[in-house]
Amino acid sequence: MGYPGPNVHRTNRRKLGRGQFPAALGVAVAVTSSGTNNMTLTFARPVVVTGTINSTVAGKTLVSQTIVNGTVVTQVWSGNVTGLDYTVPANADNVKSQQGGAVLGTAGTFP
């Protein structure tokens, strides 16, 4: 009978290597309007907003922006937004998730 061999120390294959970090997931955004000059941005997860979100509405200028809570931001535009096209840019530097994930942009037309 022989002596047991040395313990083999293998690294966990699921563990990230040195200097590697898990990827930060993007945050989806939904845009709604109540048929007035207000535009509501609702994010799928809480975000950190530092400054004005550079969204656009065809032919209108941004008047003000209010952060309601971690997932809802409202913007007031210079006129009624019904029937107009809107765009929320992707990967805006001033809107990130708490883990650092970028916002997935969206575009469409208000009903």
PDB file of N, CA and C in Angstrom:
ATOM      1  N   MET A   1       0.837  -1.156   0.000  1.00  0.00           N
ATOM      2  CA  MET A   1       0.000   0.000   0.000  1.00  0.00           C
ATOM      3  C   MET A   1       0.895   1.237   0.000  1.00  0.00           C
ATOM      4  N   GLY A   2       0.593   2.179  -0.912  1.00  0.00           N
ATOM      5  CA  GLY A   2       1.422   3.367  -1.037  1.00  0.00           C
ATOM      6  C   GLY A   2       0.816   4.558  -0.325  1.00  0.00           C
ATOM      7  N   TYR A   3       1.616   5.577  -0.219  1.00  0.00           N
ATOM      8  CA  TYR A   3       1.140   6.818   0.386  1.00  0.00           C
ATOM      9  C   TYR A   3       0.237   7.562  -0.591  1.00  0.00           C
ATOM     10  N   PRO A   4      -0.750   8.293  -0.051  1.00  0.00           N
ATOM     11  CA  PRO A   4      -1.589   9.063  -0.978  1.00  0.00           C
ATOM     12  C   PRO A   4      -0.778  10.164  -1.649  1.00  0.00           C
ATOM     13  N   GLY A   5      -1.108  10.444  -2.888  1.00  0.00           N
ATOM     14  CA  GLY A   5      -0.405  11.483  -3.643  1.00  0.00           C
ATOM     15  C   GLY A   5      -0.761  12.868  -3.140  1.00  0.00           C
ATOM     16  N   PRO A   6      -0.067  13.876  -3.634  1.00  0.00           N
ATOM     17  CA  PRO A   6      -0.342  15.258  -3.195  1.00  0.00           C
ATOM     18  C   PRO A   6      -1.724  15.702  -3.687  1.00  0.00           C
ATOM     19  N   ASN A   7      -2.346  16.583  -2.901  1.00  0.00           N
ATOM     20  CA  ASN A   7      -3.647  17.133  -3.297  1.00  0.00           C
ATOM     21  C   ASN A   7      -3.478  17.996  -4.533  1.00  0.00           C
ATOM     22  N   VAL A   8      -4.337  17.793  -5.486  1.00  0.00           N
ATOM     23  CA  VAL A   8      -4.291  18.590  -6.713  1.00  0.00           C
ATOM     24  C   VAL A   8      -5.213  19.779  -6.533  1.00  0.00           C
ATOM     25  N   HIS A   9      -4.685  20.986  -6.644  1.00  0.00           N
ATOM     26  CA  HIS A   9      -5.465  22.213  -6.482  1.00  0.00           C
ATOM     27  C   HIS A   9      -5.774  22.763  -7.864  1.00  0.00           C
ATOM     28  N   ARG A  10      -7.000  22.588  -8.271  1.00  0.00           N
ATOM     29  CA  ARG A  10      -7.428  23.103  -9.565  1.00  0.00           C
ATOM     30  C   ARG A  10      -8.292  24.344  -9.329  1.00  0.00           C
ATOM     31  N   THR A  11      -8.155  25.312 -10.217  1.00  0.00           N
ATOM     32  CA  THR A  11      -8.979  26.518 -10.091  1.00  0.00           C
ATOM     33  C   THR A  11     -10.381  26.233 -10.619  1.00  0.00           C
ATOM     34  N   ASN A  12     -11.336  26.945 -10.072  1.00  0.00           N
ATOM     35  CA  ASN A  12     -12.718  26.806 -10.487  1.00  0.00           C
ATOM     36  C   ASN A  12     -12.864  27.354 -11.903  1.00  0.00           C
ATOM     37  N   ARG A  13     -13.415  26.574 -12.805  1.00  0.00           N
ATOM     38  CA  ARG A  13     -13.574  27.014 -14.194  1.00  0.00           C
ATOM     39  C   ARG A  13     -14.619  28.107 -14.345  1.00  0.00           C
ATOM     40  N   ARG A  14     -15.517  28.238 -13.387  1.00  0.00           N
ATOM     41  CA  ARG A  14     -16.553  29.270 -13.468  1.00  0.00           C
ATOM     42  C   ARG A  14     -16.068  30.628 -12.962  1.00  0.00           C
ATOM     43  N   LYS A  15     -14.955  30.644 -12.297  1.00  0.00           N
ATOM     44  CA  LYS A  15     -14.436  31.879 -11.720  1.00  0.00           C
ATOM     45  C   LYS A  15     -13.778  32.723 -12.809  1.00  0.00           C
ATOM     46  N   LEU A  16     -13.983  34.040 -12.710  1.00  0.00           N
ATOM     47  CA  LEU A  16     -13.341  34.942 -13.661  1.00  0.00           C
ATOM     48  C   LEU A  16     -11.854  35.032 -13.366  1.00  0.00           C
ATOM     49  N   GLY A  17     -11.071  35.210 -14.407  1.00  0.00           N
ATOM     50  CA  GLY A  17      -9.625  35.313 -14.256  1.00  0.00           C
ATOM     51  C   GLY A  17      -9.211  36.649 -13.670  1.00  0.00           C
ATOM     52  N   ARG A  18      -7.916  36.774 -13.454  1.00  0.00           N
ATOM     53  CA  ARG A  18      -7.379  37.999 -12.879  1.00  0.00           C
ATOM     54  C   ARG A  18      -7.616  39.184 -13.813  1.00  0.00           C
ATOM     55  N   GLY A  19      -8.151  40.276 -13.269  1.00  0.00           N
ATOM     56  CA  GLY A  19      -8.412  41.473 -14.061  1.00  0.00           C
ATOM     57  C   GLY A  19      -9.690  41.409 -14.884  1.00  0.00           C
ATOM     58  N   GLN A  20     -10.470  40.350 -14.745  1.00  0.00           N
ATOM     59  CA  GLN A  20     -11.723  40.241 -15.483  1.00  0.00           C
ATOM     60  C   GLN A  20     -12.897  40.601 -14.584  1.00  0.00           C
ATOM     61  N   PHE A  21     -13.918  41.204 -15.168  1.00  0.00           N
ATOM     62  CA  PHE A  21     -15.100  41.609 -14.424  1.00  0.00           C
ATOM     63  C   PHE A  21     -16.337  41.156 -15.184  1.00  0.00           C
ATOM     64  N   PRO A  22     -17.425  40.877 -14.482  1.00  0.00           N
ATOM     65  CA  PRO A  22     -18.651  40.509 -15.191  1.00  0.00           C
ATOM     66  C   PRO A  22     -19.162  41.680 -16.019  1.00  0.00           C
ATOM     67  N   ALA A  23     -19.745  41.373 -17.155  1.00  0.00           N
ATOM     68  CA  ALA A  23     -20.257  42.414 -18.046  1.00  0.00           C
ATOM     69  C   ALA A  23     -21.476  43.086 -17.423  1.00  0.00           C
ATOM     70  N   ALA A  24     -21.533  44.404 -17.526  1.00  0.00           N
ATOM     71  CA  ALA A  24     -22.681  45.156 -17.032  1.00  0.00           C
ATOM     72  C   ALA A  24     -23.778  45.111 -18.093  1.00  0.00           C
ATOM     73  N   LEU A  25     -24.958  44.701 -17.712  1.00  0.00           N
ATOM     74  CA  LEU A  25     -26.070  44.578 -18.649  1.00  0.00           C
ATOM     75  C   LEU A  25     -26.679  45.938 -18.960  1.00  0.00           C
ATOM     76  N   GLY A  26     -27.226  46.072 -20.151  1.00  0.00           N
ATOM     77  CA  GLY A  26     -27.880  47.301 -20.560  1.00  0.00           C
ATOM     78  C   GLY A  26     -29.248  47.448 -19.902  1.00  0.00           C
ATOM     79  N   VAL A  27     -29.728  48.670 -19.883  1.00  0.00           N
ATOM     80  CA  VAL A  27     -31.019  48.977 -19.261  1.00  0.00           C
ATOM     81  C   VAL A  27     -31.978  49.449 -20.355  1.00  0.00           C
ATOM     82  N   ALA A  28     -33.110  48.766 -20.472  1.00  0.00           N
ATOM     83  CA  ALA A  28     -34.115  49.148 -21.460  1.00  0.00           C
ATOM     84  C   ALA A  28     -34.912  50.356 -20.952  1.00  0.00           C
ATOM     85  N   VAL A  29     -35.410  51.151 -21.889  1.00  0.00           N
ATOM     86  CA  VAL A  29     -36.203  52.323 -21.540  1.00  0.00           C
ATOM     87  C   VAL A  29     -37.486  52.329 -22.374  1.00  0.00           C
ATOM     88  N   ALA A  30     -38.592  52.664 -21.719  1.00  0.00           N
ATOM     89  CA  ALA A  30     -39.880  52.794 -22.402  1.00  0.00           C
ATOM     90  C   ALA A  30     -40.312  54.253 -22.336  1.00  0.00           C
ATOM     91  N   VAL A  31     -40.813  54.771 -23.450  1.00  0.00           N
ATOM     92  CA  VAL A  31     -41.208  56.179 -23.544  1.00  0.00           C
ATOM     93  C   VAL A  31     -42.727  56.261 -23.705  1.00  0.00           C
ATOM     94  N   THR A  32     -43.356  57.119 -22.883  1.00  0.00           N
ATOM     95  CA  THR A  32     -44.797  57.339 -22.985  1.00  0.00           C
ATOM     96  C   THR A  32     -45.090  58.834 -22.903  1.00  0.00           C
ATOM     97  N   SER A  33     -46.299  59.186 -23.318  1.00  0.00           N
ATOM     98  CA  SER A  33     -46.744  60.567 -23.223  1.00  0.00           C
ATOM     99  C   SER A  33     -48.235  60.561 -22.922  1.00  0.00           C
ATOM    100  N   SER A  34     -48.684  61.571 -22.209  1.00  0.00           N
ATOM    101  CA  SER A  34     -50.106  61.662 -21.865  1.00  0.00           C
ATOM    102  C   SER A  34     -50.872  62.532 -22.864  1.00  0.00           C
ATOM    103  N   GLY A  35     -50.287  62.761 -24.039  1.00  0.00           N
ATOM    104  CA  GLY A  35     -50.967  63.574 -25.043  1.00  0.00           C
ATOM    105  C   GLY A  35     -50.756  65.059 -24.866  1.00  0.00           C
ATOM    106  N   THR A  36     -49.817  65.444 -24.025  1.00  0.00           N
ATOM    107  CA  THR A  36     -49.523  66.862 -23.812  1.00  0.00           C
ATOM    108  C   THR A  36     -48.071  67.109 -24.210  1.00  0.00           C
ATOM    109  N   ASN A  37     -47.444  68.042 -23.540  1.00  0.00           N
ATOM    110  CA  ASN A  37     -46.040  68.318 -23.823  1.00  0.00           C
ATOM    111  C   ASN A  37     -45.103  67.549 -22.892  1.00  0.00           C
ATOM    112  N   ASN A  38     -45.639  66.592 -22.135  1.00  0.00           N
ATOM    113  CA  ASN A  38     -44.819  65.786 -21.225  1.00  0.00           C
ATOM    114  C   ASN A  38     -44.406  64.489 -21.891  1.00  0.00           C
ATOM    115  N   MET A  39     -43.185  64.055 -21.574  1.00  0.00           N
ATOM    116  CA  MET A  39     -42.657  62.776 -22.046  1.00  0.00           C
ATOM    117  C   MET A  39     -42.118  62.050 -20.823  1.00  0.00           C
ATOM    118  N   THR A  40     -42.518  60.794 -20.616  1.00  0.00           N
ATOM    119  CA  THR A  40     -42.092  60.026 -19.458  1.00  0.00           C
ATOM    120  C   THR A  40     -41.173  58.903 -19.904  1.00  0.00           C
ATOM    121  N   LEU A  41     -39.971  58.853 -19.322  1.00  0.00           N
ATOM    122  CA  LEU A  41     -39.005  57.798 -19.593  1.00  0.00           C
ATOM    123  C   LEU A  41     -39.029  56.837 -18.406  1.00  0.00           C
ATOM    124  N   THR A  42     -39.367  55.581 -18.658  1.00  0.00           N
ATOM    125  CA  THR A  42     -39.418  54.576 -17.603  1.00  0.00           C
ATOM    126  C   THR A  42     -38.355  53.532 -17.887  1.00  0.00           C
ATOM    127  N   PHE A  43     -37.397  53.396 -16.981  1.00  0.00           N
ATOM    128  CA  PHE A  43     -36.280  52.470 -17.152  1.00  0.00           C
ATOM    129  C   PHE A  43     -36.600  51.131 -16.494  1.00  0.00           C
ATOM    130  N   ALA A  44     -36.055  50.056 -17.047  1.00  0.00           N
ATOM    131  CA  ALA A  44     -36.327  48.708 -16.548  1.00  0.00           C
ATOM    132  C   ALA A  44     -35.691  48.463 -15.180  1.00  0.00           C
ATOM    133  N   ARG A  45     -34.580  49.114 -14.898  1.00  0.00           N
ATOM    134  CA  ARG A  45     -33.897  49.010 -13.606  1.00  0.00           C
ATOM    135  C   ARG A  45     -33.509  50.412 -13.165  1.00  0.00           C
ATOM    136  N   PRO A  46     -33.215  50.596 -11.880  1.00  0.00           N
ATOM    137  CA  PRO A  46     -32.802  51.931 -11.422  1.00  0.00           C
ATOM    138  C   PRO A  46     -31.551  52.426 -12.150  1.00  0.00           C
ATOM    139  N   VAL A  47     -31.545  53.706 -12.462  1.00  0.00           N
ATOM    140  CA  VAL A  47     -30.410  54.328 -13.145  1.00  0.00           C
ATOM    141  C   VAL A  47     -29.947  55.553 -12.373  1.00  0.00           C
ATOM    142  N   VAL A  48     -28.723  55.943 -12.641  1.00  0.00           N
ATOM    143  CA  VAL A  48     -28.150  57.158 -12.076  1.00  0.00           C
ATOM    144  C   VAL A  48     -28.062  58.165 -13.212  1.00  0.00           C
ATOM    145  N   VAL A  49     -28.782  59.278 -13.074  1.00  0.00           N
ATOM    146  CA  VAL A  49     -28.817  60.314 -14.105  1.00  0.00           C
ATOM    147  C   VAL A  49     -28.013  61.509 -13.612  1.00  0.00           C
ATOM    148  N   THR A  50     -26.983  61.881 -14.366  1.00  0.00           N
ATOM    149  CA  THR A  50     -26.165  63.039 -14.017  1.00  0.00           C
ATOM    150  C   THR A  50     -26.248  64.049 -15.157  1.00  0.00           C
ATOM    151  N   GLY A  51     -27.237  64.897 -15.094  1.00  0.00           N
ATOM    152  CA  GLY A  51     -27.415  65.894 -16.140  1.00  0.00           C
ATOM    153  C   GLY A  51     -28.654  65.616 -16.960  1.00  0.00           C
ATOM    154  N   THR A  52     -28.769  66.329 -18.064  1.00  0.00           N
ATOM    155  CA  THR A  52     -29.933  66.226 -18.930  1.00  0.00           C
ATOM    156  C   THR A  52     -29.759  65.075 -19.912  1.00  0.00           C
ATOM    157  N   ILE A  53     -30.798  64.266 -20.047  1.00  0.00           N
ATOM    158  CA  ILE A  53     -30.790  63.181 -21.025  1.00  0.00           C
ATOM    159  C   ILE A  53     -30.984  63.800 -22.407  1.00  0.00           C
ATOM    160  N   ASN A  54     -30.145  63.444 -23.354  1.00  0.00           N
ATOM    161  CA  ASN A  54     -30.151  64.074 -24.677  1.00  0.00           C
ATOM    162  C   ASN A  54     -31.183  63.455 -25.614  1.00  0.00           C
ATOM    163  N   SER A  55     -32.408  63.313 -25.158  1.00  0.00           N
ATOM    164  CA  SER A  55     -33.462  62.799 -26.029  1.00  0.00           C
ATOM    165  C   SER A  55     -33.944  63.922 -26.933  1.00  0.00           C
ATOM    166  N   THR A  56     -34.564  63.533 -28.042  1.00  0.00           N
ATOM    167  CA  THR A  56     -35.054  64.526 -28.992  1.00  0.00           C
ATOM    168  C   THR A  56     -36.495  64.228 -29.353  1.00  0.00           C
ATOM    169  N   VAL A  57     -37.238  65.280 -29.637  1.00  0.00           N
ATOM    170  CA  VAL A  57     -38.597  65.203 -30.175  1.00  0.00           C
ATOM    171  C   VAL A  57     -38.620  66.121 -31.385  1.00  0.00           C
ATOM    172  N   ALA A  58     -39.132  65.613 -32.502  1.00  0.00           N
ATOM    173  CA  ALA A  58     -39.094  66.348 -33.767  1.00  0.00           C
ATOM    174  C   ALA A  58     -39.721  67.738 -33.632  1.00  0.00           C
ATOM    175  N   GLY A  59     -38.930  68.776 -33.927  1.00  0.00           N
ATOM    176  CA  GLY A  59     -39.432  70.137 -33.956  1.00  0.00           C
ATOM    177  C   GLY A  59     -39.676  70.800 -32.610  1.00  0.00           C
ATOM    178  N   LYS A  60     -39.339  70.153 -31.519  1.00  0.00           N
ATOM    179  CA  LYS A  60     -39.579  70.723 -30.188  1.00  0.00           C
ATOM    180  C   LYS A  60     -38.255  70.863 -29.440  1.00  0.00           C
ATOM    181  N   THR A  61     -38.234  71.780 -28.472  1.00  0.00           N
ATOM    182  CA  THR A  61     -37.053  71.959 -27.627  1.00  0.00           C
ATOM    183  C   THR A  61     -37.395  71.569 -26.197  1.00  0.00           C
ATOM    184  N   LEU A  62     -36.399  71.066 -25.501  1.00  0.00           N
ATOM    185  CA  LEU A  62     -36.582  70.624 -24.125  1.00  0.00           C
ATOM    186  C   LEU A  62     -36.681  71.832 -23.200  1.00  0.00           C
ATOM    187  N   VAL A  63     -37.711  71.842 -22.357  1.00  0.00           N
ATOM    188  CA  VAL A  63     -37.918  72.934 -21.414  1.00  0.00           C
ATOM    189  C   VAL A  63     -37.353  72.568 -20.047  1.00  0.00           C
ATOM    190  N   SER A  64     -37.718  71.374 -19.541  1.00  0.00           N
ATOM    191  CA  SER A  64     -37.224  70.959 -18.230  1.00  0.00           C
ATOM    192  C   SER A  64     -37.211  69.442 -18.124  1.00  0.00           C
ATOM    193  N   GLN A  65     -36.487  68.970 -17.116  1.00  0.00           N
ATOM    194  CA  GLN A  65     -36.396  67.536 -16.834  1.00  0.00           C
ATOM    195  C   GLN A  65     -36.499  67.325 -15.335  1.00  0.00           C
ATOM    196  N   THR A  66     -37.270  66.327 -14.915  1.00  0.00           N
ATOM    197  CA  THR A  66     -37.435  66.015 -13.504  1.00  0.00           C
ATOM    198  C   THR A  66     -37.195  64.529 -13.283  1.00  0.00           C
ATOM    199  N   ILE A  67     -36.369  64.205 -12.286  1.00  0.00           N
ATOM    200  CA  ILE A  67     -36.137  62.818 -11.921  1.00  0.00           C
ATOM    201  C   ILE A  67     -37.145  62.484 -10.826  1.00  0.00           C
ATOM    202  N   VAL A  68     -38.138  61.666 -11.162  1.00  0.00           N
ATOM    203  CA  VAL A  68     -39.208  61.325 -10.227  1.00  0.00           C
ATOM    204  C   VAL A  68     -38.705  60.321  -9.195  1.00  0.00           C
ATOM    205  N   ASN A  69     -38.060  59.261  -9.661  1.00  0.00           N
ATOM    206  CA  ASN A  69     -37.433  58.270  -8.778  1.00  0.00           C
ATOM    207  C   ASN A  69     -36.327  57.573  -9.562  1.00  0.00           C
ATOM    208  N   GLY A  70     -35.818  56.471  -9.074  1.00  0.00           N
ATOM    209  CA  GLY A  70     -34.689  55.797  -9.718  1.00  0.00           C
ATOM    210  C   GLY A  70     -34.989  55.213 -11.083  1.00  0.00           C
ATOM    211  N   THR A  71     -36.282  55.008 -11.389  1.00  0.00           N
ATOM    212  CA  THR A  71     -36.630  54.405 -12.669  1.00  0.00           C
ATOM    213  C   THR A  71     -37.461  55.304 -13.579  1.00  0.00           C
ATOM    214  N   VAL A  72     -37.907  56.458 -13.108  1.00  0.00           N
ATOM    215  CA  VAL A  72     -38.785  57.330 -13.905  1.00  0.00           C
ATOM    216  C   VAL A  72     -38.204  58.735 -14.001  1.00  0.00           C
ATOM    217  N   VAL A  73     -38.137  59.235 -15.243  1.00  0.00           N
ATOM    218  CA  VAL A  73     -37.701  60.611 -15.517  1.00  0.00           C
ATOM    219  C   VAL A  73     -38.753  61.238 -16.424  1.00  0.00           C
ATOM    220  N   THR A  74     -39.182  62.451 -16.104  1.00  0.00           N
ATOM    221  CA  THR A  74     -40.129  63.157 -16.966  1.00  0.00           C
ATOM    222  C   THR A  74     -39.442  64.353 -17.603  1.00  0.00           C
ATOM    223  N   GLN A  75     -39.814  64.609 -18.853  1.00  0.00           N
ATOM    224  CA  GLN A  75     -39.295  65.759 -19.579  1.00  0.00           C
ATOM    225  C   GLN A  75     -40.467  66.565 -20.112  1.00  0.00           C
ATOM    226  N   VAL A  76     -40.343  67.889 -20.058  1.00  0.00           N
ATOM    227  CA  VAL A  76     -41.359  68.794 -20.584  1.00  0.00           C
ATOM    228  C   VAL A  76     -40.789  69.445 -21.831  1.00  0.00           C
ATOM    229  N   TRP A  77     -41.562  69.399 -22.914  1.00  0.00           N
ATOM    230  CA  TRP A  77     -41.121  69.944 -24.194  1.00  0.00           C
ATOM    231  C   TRP A  77     -41.886  71.228 -24.514  1.00  0.00           C
ATOM    232  N   SER A  78     -41.432  71.964 -25.531  1.00  0.00           N
ATOM    233  CA  SER A  78     -41.965  73.292 -25.844  1.00  0.00           C
ATOM    234  C   SER A  78     -43.358  73.269 -26.462  1.00  0.00           C
ATOM    235  N   GLY A  79     -43.888  72.111 -26.795  1.00  0.00           N
ATOM    236  CA  GLY A  79     -45.230  72.036 -27.363  1.00  0.00           C
ATOM    237  C   GLY A  79     -45.771  70.624 -27.265  1.00  0.00           C
ATOM    238  N   ASN A  80     -46.963  70.426 -27.781  1.00  0.00           N
ATOM    239  CA  ASN A  80     -47.610  69.125 -27.748  1.00  0.00           C
ATOM    240  C   ASN A  80     -46.795  68.121 -28.570  1.00  0.00           C
ATOM    241  N   VAL A  81     -46.579  66.923 -28.020  1.00  0.00           N
ATOM    242  CA  VAL A  81     -45.732  65.922 -28.674  1.00  0.00           C
ATOM    243  C   VAL A  81     -46.540  64.846 -29.400  1.00  0.00           C
ATOM    244  N   THR A  82     -47.865  64.956 -29.400  1.00  0.00           N
ATOM    245  CA  THR A  82     -48.712  63.953 -30.040  1.00  0.00           C
ATOM    246  C   THR A  82     -48.399  63.850 -31.529  1.00  0.00           C
ATOM    247  N   GLY A  83     -48.146  62.618 -31.986  1.00  0.00           N
ATOM    248  CA  GLY A  83     -47.870  62.370 -33.396  1.00  0.00           C
ATOM    249  C   GLY A  83     -46.459  62.668 -33.847  1.00  0.00           C
ATOM    250  N   LEU A  84     -45.580  63.071 -32.944  1.00  0.00           N
ATOM    251  CA  LEU A  84     -44.211  63.417 -33.314  1.00  0.00           C
ATOM    252  C   LEU A  84     -43.252  62.251 -33.042  1.00  0.00           C
ATOM    253  N   ASP A  85     -42.140  62.249 -33.754  1.00  0.00           N
ATOM    254  CA  ASP A  85     -41.109  61.234 -33.565  1.00  0.00           C
ATOM    255  C   ASP A  85     -40.218  61.612 -32.386  1.00  0.00           C
ATOM    256  N   TYR A  86     -39.771  60.593 -31.644  1.00  0.00           N
ATOM    257  CA  TYR A  86     -38.851  60.812 -30.520  1.00  0.00           C
ATOM    258  C   TYR A  86     -37.673  59.854 -30.623  1.00  0.00           C
ATOM    259  N   THR A  87     -36.580  60.236 -29.982  1.00  0.00           N
ATOM    260  CA  THR A  87     -35.390  59.402 -29.934  1.00  0.00           C
ATOM    261  C   THR A  87     -34.737  59.547 -28.569  1.00  0.00           C
ATOM    262  N   VAL A  88     -34.386  58.420 -27.962  1.00  0.00           N
ATOM    263  CA  VAL A  88     -33.587  58.403 -26.736  1.00  0.00           C
ATOM    264  C   VAL A  88     -32.287  57.714 -27.115  1.00  0.00           C
ATOM    265  N   PRO A  89     -31.139  58.400 -27.001  1.00  0.00           N
ATOM    266  CA  PRO A  89     -29.883  57.825 -27.485  1.00  0.00           C
ATOM    267  C   PRO A  89     -29.409  56.643 -26.642  1.00  0.00           C
ATOM    268  N   ALA A  90     -28.744  55.725 -27.304  1.00  0.00           N
ATOM    269  CA  ALA A  90     -28.142  54.585 -26.613  1.00  0.00           C
ATOM    270  C   ALA A  90     -26.778  54.990 -26.067  1.00  0.00           C
ATOM    271  N   ASN A  91     -26.361  54.346 -24.990  1.00  0.00           N
ATOM    272  CA  ASN A  91     -25.032  54.524 -24.394  1.00  0.00           C
ATOM    273  C   ASN A  91     -24.730  55.970 -24.000  1.00  0.00           C
ATOM    274  N   ALA A  92     -25.725  56.678 -23.493  1.00  0.00           N
ATOM    275  CA  ALA A  92     -25.496  58.051 -23.041  1.00  0.00           C
ATOM    276  C   ALA A  92     -24.541  58.032 -21.836  1.00  0.00           C
ATOM    277  N   ASP A  93     -23.580  58.923 -21.831  1.00  0.00           N
ATOM    278  CA  ASP A  93     -22.576  58.955 -20.762  1.00  0.00           C
ATOM    279  C   ASP A  93     -23.167  59.370 -19.421  1.00  0.00           C
ATOM    280  N   ASN A  94     -24.247  60.124 -19.418  1.00  0.00           N
ATOM    281  CA  ASN A  94     -24.797  60.638 -18.165  1.00  0.00           C
ATOM    282  C   ASN A  94     -25.943  59.797 -17.605  1.00  0.00           C
ATOM    283  N   VAL A  95     -26.213  58.632 -18.200  1.00  0.00           N
ATOM    284  CA  VAL A  95     -27.256  57.732 -17.692  1.00  0.00           C
ATOM    285  C   VAL A  95     -26.679  56.324 -17.641  1.00  0.00           C
ATOM    286  N   LYS A  96     -26.497  55.804 -16.441  1.00  0.00           N
ATOM    287  CA  LYS A  96     -25.927  54.465 -16.252  1.00  0.00           C
ATOM    288  C   LYS A  96     -26.719  53.725 -15.183  1.00  0.00           C
ATOM    289  N   SER A  97     -26.674  52.401 -15.248  1.00  0.00           N
ATOM    290  CA  SER A  97     -27.272  51.617 -14.172  1.00  0.00           C
ATOM    291  C   SER A  97     -26.347  51.681 -12.965  1.00  0.00           C
ATOM    292  N   GLN A  98     -26.800  51.177 -11.845  1.00  0.00           N
ATOM    293  CA  GLN A  98     -25.987  51.216 -10.638  1.00  0.00           C
ATOM    294  C   GLN A  98     -24.734  50.371 -10.783  1.00  0.00           C
ATOM    295  N   GLN A  99     -24.758  49.386 -11.673  1.00  0.00           N
ATOM    296  CA  GLN A  99     -23.588  48.553 -11.913  1.00  0.00           C
ATOM    297  C   GLN A  99     -22.724  49.097 -13.050  1.00  0.00           C
ATOM    298  N   GLY A 100     -23.141  50.183 -13.680  1.00  0.00           N
ATOM    299  CA  GLY A 100     -22.356  50.783 -14.753  1.00  0.00           C
ATOM    300  C   GLY A 100     -22.836  50.425 -16.143  1.00  0.00           C
ATOM    301  N   GLY A 101     -23.950  49.722 -16.266  1.00  0.00           N
ATOM    302  CA  GLY A 101     -24.476  49.342 -17.571  1.00  0.00           C
ATOM    303  C   GLY A 101     -25.074  50.530 -18.298  1.00  0.00           C
ATOM    304  N   ALA A 102     -24.943  50.504 -19.615  1.00  0.00           N
ATOM    305  CA  ALA A 102     -25.443  51.599 -20.445  1.00  0.00           C
ATOM    306  C   ALA A 102     -26.935  51.438 -20.717  1.00  0.00           C
ATOM    307  N   VAL A 103     -27.557  52.527 -21.143  1.00  0.00           N
ATOM    308  CA  VAL A 103     -28.965  52.515 -21.491  1.00  0.00           C
ATOM    309  C   VAL A 103     -29.114  52.101 -22.947  1.00  0.00           C
ATOM    310  N   LEU A 104     -30.041  51.205 -23.203  1.00  0.00           N
ATOM    311  CA  LEU A 104     -30.356  50.806 -24.560  1.00  0.00           C
ATOM    312  C   LEU A 104     -31.288  51.853 -25.150  1.00  0.00           C
ATOM    313  N   GLY A 105     -30.906  52.446 -26.238  1.00  0.00           N
ATOM    314  CA  GLY A 105     -31.696  53.525 -26.822  1.00  0.00           C
ATOM    315  C   GLY A 105     -33.001  53.039 -27.395  1.00  0.00           C
ATOM    316  N   THR A 106     -33.870  53.982 -27.708  1.00  0.00           N
ATOM    317  CA  THR A 106     -35.149  53.663 -28.321  1.00  0.00           C
ATOM    318  C   THR A 106     -35.595  54.826 -29.188  1.00  0.00           C
ATOM    319  N   ALA A 107     -36.467  54.541 -30.129  1.00  0.00           N
ATOM    320  CA  ALA A 107     -37.030  55.569 -30.995  1.00  0.00           C
ATOM    321  C   ALA A 107     -38.438  55.141 -31.378  1.00  0.00           C
ATOM    322  N   GLY A 108     -39.265  56.114 -31.739  1.00  0.00           N
ATOM    323  CA  GLY A 108     -40.631  55.799 -32.130  1.00  0.00           C
ATOM    324  C   GLY A 108     -41.430  57.046 -32.391  1.00  0.00           C
ATOM    325  N   THR A 109     -42.751  56.888 -32.451  1.00  0.00           N
ATOM    326  CA  THR A 109     -43.659  57.995 -32.697  1.00  0.00           C
ATOM    327  C   THR A 109     -44.729  57.993 -31.616  1.00  0.00           C
ATOM    328  N   PHE A 110     -45.004  59.148 -31.045  1.00  0.00           N
ATOM    329  CA  PHE A 110     -46.065  59.256 -30.044  1.00  0.00           C
ATOM    330  C   PHE A 110     -47.416  59.028 -30.718  1.00  0.00           C
ATOM    331  N   PRO A 111     -48.325  58.367 -30.033  1.00  0.00           N
ATOM    332  CA  PRO A 111     -49.661  58.142 -30.626  1.00  0.00           C
ATOM    333  C   PRO A 111     -50.485  59.422 -30.643  1.00  0.00           C
TER     334      PRO A 111
END
